[in-house]
Amino acid sequence: MKVLEAKTLQNKATKSELRTEIKKASAAIEDNSGNKTEAVRVAVKKIDQAAAKGILHKNTAARKKSALDKKLQASA
């Protein structure tokens, strides 16, 4: 039980970080800031890490990355 609770908290923290990075990347794209490609790169890395740990399904990760990339290309 204790291990399950610890893993649940760890997964929640990872998901929270992931959502934060995705929001930062989206905000950078919308604001057309100079570091938008860097923000997207960091978000994609977090998405890949979450998928590797099993926190996100690989298709969900691919969908999120694709959406960010599409948004980035549209802003260019």
C-alpha atoms as a PDB file:
ATOM      1  CA  MET A   1       0.000   0.000   0.000  1.00  0.00           C
ATOM      2  CA  LYS A   2       2.775   2.438   0.911  1.00  0.00           C
ATOM      3  CA  VAL A   3       4.599   1.786  -2.361  1.00  0.00           C
ATOM      4  CA  LEU A   4       1.399   2.326  -4.334  1.00  0.00           C
ATOM      5  CA  GLU A   5       0.747   5.632  -2.585  1.00  0.00           C
ATOM      6  CA  ALA A   6       4.317   6.792  -3.202  1.00  0.00           C
ATOM      7  CA  LYS A   7       4.138   5.850  -6.887  1.00  0.00           C
ATOM      8  CA  THR A   8       0.770   7.604  -7.223  1.00  0.00           C
ATOM      9  CA  LEU A   9       2.199  10.812  -5.776  1.00  0.00           C
ATOM     10  CA  GLN A  10       5.239  10.537  -8.036  1.00  0.00           C
ATOM     11  CA  ASN A  11       3.030  10.031 -11.104  1.00  0.00           C
ATOM     12  CA  LYS A  12       0.861  13.008 -10.138  1.00  0.00           C
ATOM     13  CA  ALA A  13       3.941  15.199  -9.804  1.00  0.00           C
ATOM     14  CA  THR A  14       5.243  14.067 -13.188  1.00  0.00           C
ATOM     15  CA  LYS A  15       1.872  14.701 -14.851  1.00  0.00           C
ATOM     16  CA  SER A  16       1.733  18.146 -13.277  1.00  0.00           C
ATOM     17  CA  GLU A  17       5.216  19.006 -14.574  1.00  0.00           C
ATOM     18  CA  LEU A  18       4.209  17.731 -17.991  1.00  0.00           C
ATOM     19  CA  ARG A  19       1.065  19.884 -18.118  1.00  0.00           C
ATOM     20  CA  THR A  20       3.070  22.905 -16.962  1.00  0.00           C
ATOM     21  CA  GLU A  21       5.670  22.459 -19.713  1.00  0.00           C
ATOM     22  CA  ILE A  22       2.976  22.004 -22.363  1.00  0.00           C
ATOM     23  CA  LYS A  23       1.249  25.185 -21.171  1.00  0.00           C
ATOM     24  CA  LYS A  24       4.555  27.085 -21.212  1.00  0.00           C
ATOM     25  CA  ALA A  25       5.241  25.909 -24.770  1.00  0.00           C
ATOM     26  CA  SER A  26       1.740  26.851 -25.924  1.00  0.00           C
ATOM     27  CA  ALA A  27       2.039  30.274 -24.298  1.00  0.00           C
ATOM     28  CA  ALA A  28       5.445  30.836 -25.928  1.00  0.00           C
ATOM     29  CA  ILE A  29       3.998  29.952 -29.336  1.00  0.00           C
ATOM     30  CA  GLU A  30       0.967  32.204 -28.879  1.00  0.00           C
ATOM     31  CA  ASP A  31       3.119  35.112 -27.668  1.00  0.00           C
ATOM     32  CA  ASN A  32       5.497  34.494 -30.591  1.00  0.00           C
ATOM     33  CA  SER A  33       8.443  34.758 -28.206  1.00  0.00           C
ATOM     34  CA  GLY A  34      12.012  34.100 -29.296  1.00  0.00           C
ATOM     35  CA  ASN A  35      12.376  30.950 -27.221  1.00  0.00           C
ATOM     36  CA  LYS A  36       9.305  29.167 -28.557  1.00  0.00           C
ATOM     37  CA  THR A  37      11.302  26.410 -30.279  1.00  0.00           C
ATOM     38  CA  GLU A  38      13.253  25.812 -27.064  1.00  0.00           C
ATOM     39  CA  ALA A  39      10.031  25.661 -25.035  1.00  0.00           C
ATOM     40  CA  VAL A  40       8.550  23.127 -27.474  1.00  0.00           C
ATOM     41  CA  ARG A  41      11.754  21.069 -27.350  1.00  0.00           C
ATOM     42  CA  VAL A  42      11.594  20.927 -23.541  1.00  0.00           C
ATOM     43  CA  ALA A  43       7.900  19.995 -23.622  1.00  0.00           C
ATOM     44  CA  VAL A  44       8.518  17.234 -26.169  1.00  0.00           C
ATOM     45  CA  LYS A  45      11.302  15.855 -23.984  1.00  0.00           C
ATOM     46  CA  LYS A  46       8.963  15.786 -20.961  1.00  0.00           C
ATOM     47  CA  ILE A  47       6.293  14.051 -23.050  1.00  0.00           C
ATOM     48  CA  ASP A  48       8.799  11.429 -24.193  1.00  0.00           C
ATOM     49  CA  GLN A  49       9.974  10.850 -20.631  1.00  0.00           C
ATOM     50  CA  ALA A  50       6.402  10.403 -19.395  1.00  0.00           C
ATOM     51  CA  ALA A  51       5.691   7.925 -22.194  1.00  0.00           C
ATOM     52  CA  ALA A  52       8.874   5.995 -21.407  1.00  0.00           C
ATOM     53  CA  LYS A  53       7.847   5.715 -17.741  1.00  0.00           C
ATOM     54  CA  GLY A  54       4.374   4.534 -18.705  1.00  0.00           C
ATOM     55  CA  ILE A  55       2.642   7.600 -17.343  1.00  0.00           C
ATOM     56  CA  LEU A  56       1.315   8.433 -20.820  1.00  0.00           C
ATOM     57  CA  HIS A  57       0.323   5.949 -23.503  1.00  0.00           C
ATOM     58  CA  LYS A  58       2.669   6.157 -26.490  1.00  0.00           C
ATOM     59  CA  ASN A  59      -0.159   7.198 -28.833  1.00  0.00           C
ATOM     60  CA  THR A  60      -1.247   9.931 -26.430  1.00  0.00           C
ATOM     61  CA  ALA A  61       2.339  11.160 -26.301  1.00  0.00           C
ATOM     62  CA  ALA A  62       2.546  11.166 -30.093  1.00  0.00           C
ATOM     63  CA  ARG A  63      -0.719  13.091 -30.324  1.00  0.00           C
ATOM     64  CA  LYS A  64       0.466  15.735 -27.843  1.00  0.00           C
ATOM     65  CA  LYS A  65       3.799  16.141 -29.627  1.00  0.00           C
ATOM     66  CA  SER A  66       2.088  16.392 -32.991  1.00  0.00           C
ATOM     67  CA  ALA A  67      -0.302  19.048 -31.727  1.00  0.00           C
ATOM     68  CA  LEU A  68       2.567  21.136 -30.360  1.00  0.00           C
ATOM     69  CA  ASP A  69       4.532  20.764 -33.581  1.00  0.00           C
ATOM     70  CA  LYS A  70       1.523  21.690 -35.693  1.00  0.00           C
ATOM     71  CA  LYS A  71       0.933  24.789 -33.555  1.00  0.00           C
ATOM     72  CA  LEU A  72       4.618  25.733 -33.843  1.00  0.00           C
ATOM     73  CA  GLN A  73       4.625  25.326 -37.643  1.00  0.00           C
ATOM     74  CA  ALA A  74       1.455  27.393 -37.978  1.00  0.00           C
ATOM     75  CA  SER A  75       3.020  30.259 -36.048  1.00  0.00           C
ATOM     76  CA  ALA A  76       6.148  30.352 -38.209  1.00  0.00           C
END
